[in-house]
Amino acid sequence: MISSWFHLNPRSGVPLYLQLKEQVKTAVAGGVLKPGDRLLPVREMADNLSVNPNTVARAYSELEREGLLSSEQGRGTFIRAAEPLLGEEERKIQVQGLMDKVLVEAFNLRLTPEELQLLWKQRLQAWETRLRGAKRGGW
């Protein structure tokens, strides 16, 4: 299920609709979501993410205005982008930047490398379990 790929963090300080919007963009950029893929209806996505439907509606609306999504009355909301926006190298660079941010935060919070490795392993296992449940067969 596509909603299983999204995770919203209400404590991040970033509005939930922006988190969803950026995660959809990243999934399209990386090729996880492809042209023609149907997103869940607003209410169903909201239920799955435990957020207000207005949050999802706002994210979808802004993505539609930006040309990434198209809504068809009675059919649903679909990915409109023509192809993945980032190549393999660009995706790796983007993830490295995110990892660097995590490392800075971990250092500032005085986590040891061992504690960070354990946390990473636990989060990766949880994510793999979540994805297996969503699409059976791993990444």
Protein backbone atom coordinates (compact mmCIF):
# COMPACT_ATOMS: atom_id res chain seq x y z
CA MET A 1 0.00 0.00 0.00
CA ILE A 2 1.44 3.34 -1.07
CA SER A 3 0.61 5.08 2.23
CA SER A 4 3.01 2.70 4.01
CA TRP A 5 5.88 4.53 2.35
CA PHE A 6 5.01 7.77 4.09
CA HIS A 7 5.77 8.66 7.69
CA LEU A 8 4.73 11.93 9.27
CA ASN A 9 6.39 13.18 12.43
CA PRO A 10 4.20 15.61 14.37
CA ARG A 11 7.16 16.56 16.58
CA SER A 12 9.47 17.61 13.73
CA GLY A 13 8.35 21.23 13.63
CA VAL A 14 7.54 20.87 9.92
CA PRO A 15 3.82 21.10 9.08
CA LEU A 16 2.37 17.66 8.36
CA TYR A 17 1.06 18.62 4.93
CA LEU A 18 4.57 19.76 3.94
CA GLN A 19 6.05 16.50 5.17
CA LEU A 20 3.60 14.51 3.04
CA LYS A 21 4.14 16.79 0.06
CA GLU A 22 7.93 16.43 0.24
CA GLN A 23 7.72 12.67 0.70
CA VAL A 24 5.53 12.32 -2.39
CA LYS A 25 8.01 14.45 -4.34
CA THR A 26 10.92 12.33 -3.13
CA ALA A 27 9.09 9.10 -4.03
CA VAL A 28 8.48 10.44 -7.54
CA ALA A 29 12.03 11.76 -7.87
CA GLY A 30 13.43 8.38 -6.89
CA GLY A 31 11.09 6.44 -9.15
CA VAL A 32 9.19 4.72 -6.32
CA LEU A 33 6.02 6.39 -7.54
CA LYS A 34 5.61 6.31 -11.29
CA PRO A 35 3.36 8.11 -13.75
CA GLY A 36 -0.15 6.74 -13.52
CA ASP A 37 0.25 5.42 -9.97
CA ARG A 38 -2.88 6.15 -7.98
CA LEU A 39 -2.60 7.66 -4.53
CA LEU A 40 -5.05 6.71 -1.85
CA PRO A 41 -8.17 8.84 -1.55
CA VAL A 42 -7.79 11.75 0.87
CA ARG A 43 -9.78 10.18 3.69
CA GLU A 44 -8.09 6.81 3.41
CA MET A 45 -4.61 8.37 3.32
CA ALA A 46 -5.55 10.52 6.32
CA ASP A 47 -6.75 7.47 8.25
CA ASN A 48 -3.59 5.54 7.45
CA LEU A 49 -1.38 8.45 8.52
CA SER A 50 -3.57 9.37 11.52
CA VAL A 51 -4.02 12.96 10.40
CA ASN A 52 -6.92 15.25 9.56
CA PRO A 53 -8.19 14.80 5.97
CA ASN A 54 -7.58 18.53 5.41
CA THR A 55 -3.86 17.87 5.86
CA VAL A 56 -3.82 15.36 3.01
CA ALA A 57 -6.14 17.48 0.89
CA ARG A 58 -3.80 20.46 1.22
CA ALA A 59 -0.74 18.40 0.25
CA TYR A 60 -2.55 16.88 -2.75
CA SER A 61 -3.89 20.28 -3.82
CA GLU A 62 -0.46 21.92 -3.75
CA LEU A 63 1.11 19.00 -5.61
CA GLU A 64 -1.62 19.23 -8.22
CA ARG A 65 -0.98 22.97 -8.62
CA GLU A 66 2.72 22.18 -9.08
CA GLY A 67 1.87 19.67 -11.82
CA LEU A 68 3.01 16.55 -9.99
CA LEU A 69 -0.48 15.12 -9.45
CA SER A 70 -3.71 15.10 -11.39
CA SER A 71 -7.15 14.50 -9.91
CA GLU A 72 -9.90 12.89 -11.92
CA GLN A 73 -13.42 13.18 -10.55
CA GLY A 74 -14.66 9.76 -9.49
CA ARG A 75 -11.36 8.03 -10.37
CA GLY A 76 -8.81 9.39 -7.93
CA THR A 77 -5.51 11.21 -7.70
CA PHE A 78 -2.64 10.08 -9.90
CA ILE A 79 1.07 10.75 -10.35
CA ARG A 80 1.56 12.91 -13.39
CA ALA A 81 5.34 13.30 -13.62
CA ALA A 82 6.85 11.81 -16.73
CA GLU A 83 9.90 10.09 -15.25
CA PRO A 84 12.04 9.92 -12.12
CA LEU A 85 13.43 13.37 -11.48
CA LEU A 86 16.72 12.21 -9.97
CA GLY A 87 19.28 9.74 -11.24
CA GLU A 88 21.00 7.18 -9.01
CA GLU A 89 23.94 9.44 -8.16
CA GLU A 90 21.69 12.40 -7.30
CA ARG A 91 19.57 10.18 -5.04
CA LYS A 92 22.68 9.00 -3.20
CA ILE A 93 23.90 12.56 -2.75
CA GLN A 94 20.51 13.60 -1.36
CA VAL A 95 20.51 10.73 1.14
CA GLN A 96 24.10 11.47 2.15
CA GLY A 97 23.07 15.02 2.97
CA LEU A 98 20.25 13.74 5.15
CA MET A 99 22.61 11.31 6.86
CA ASP A 100 25.04 14.14 7.57
CA LYS A 101 22.23 16.05 9.30
CA VAL A 102 21.46 13.00 11.44
CA LEU A 103 25.15 12.63 12.33
CA VAL A 104 25.37 16.27 13.42
CA GLU A 105 22.25 15.87 15.58
CA ALA A 106 23.56 12.61 17.07
CA PHE A 107 26.89 14.26 17.87
CA ASN A 108 25.14 17.25 19.47
CA LEU A 109 23.00 14.88 21.54
CA ARG A 110 26.19 13.06 22.57
CA LEU A 111 25.27 9.67 21.16
CA THR A 112 28.18 7.31 20.77
CA PRO A 113 28.88 5.72 17.40
CA GLU A 114 27.75 2.40 18.90
CA GLU A 115 24.44 3.89 20.08
CA LEU A 116 23.89 5.46 16.67
CA GLN A 117 24.62 2.17 14.88
CA LEU A 118 22.16 0.35 17.12
CA LEU A 119 19.48 2.97 16.53
CA TRP A 120 20.07 2.83 12.78
CA LYS A 121 19.83 -0.96 12.76
CA GLN A 122 16.59 -0.88 14.77
CA ARG A 123 15.01 1.77 12.52
CA LEU A 124 16.08 -0.04 9.35
CA GLN A 125 14.59 -3.31 10.60
CA ALA A 126 11.34 -1.55 11.52
CA TRP A 127 11.19 0.07 8.08
CA GLU A 128 11.88 -3.22 6.29
CA THR A 129 9.10 -4.89 8.28
CA ARG A 130 6.74 -2.06 7.38
CA LEU A 131 7.59 -2.32 3.68
CA ARG A 132 7.28 -6.11 3.65
CA GLY A 133 3.78 -5.74 5.05
CA ALA A 134 3.02 -3.12 2.41
CA LYS A 135 4.25 -4.81 -0.72
CA ARG A 136 5.48 -8.30 0.15
CA GLY A 137 8.98 -8.82 -1.11
CA GLY A 138 11.19 -6.16 0.43
CA TRP A 139 12.42 -3.01 -1.21
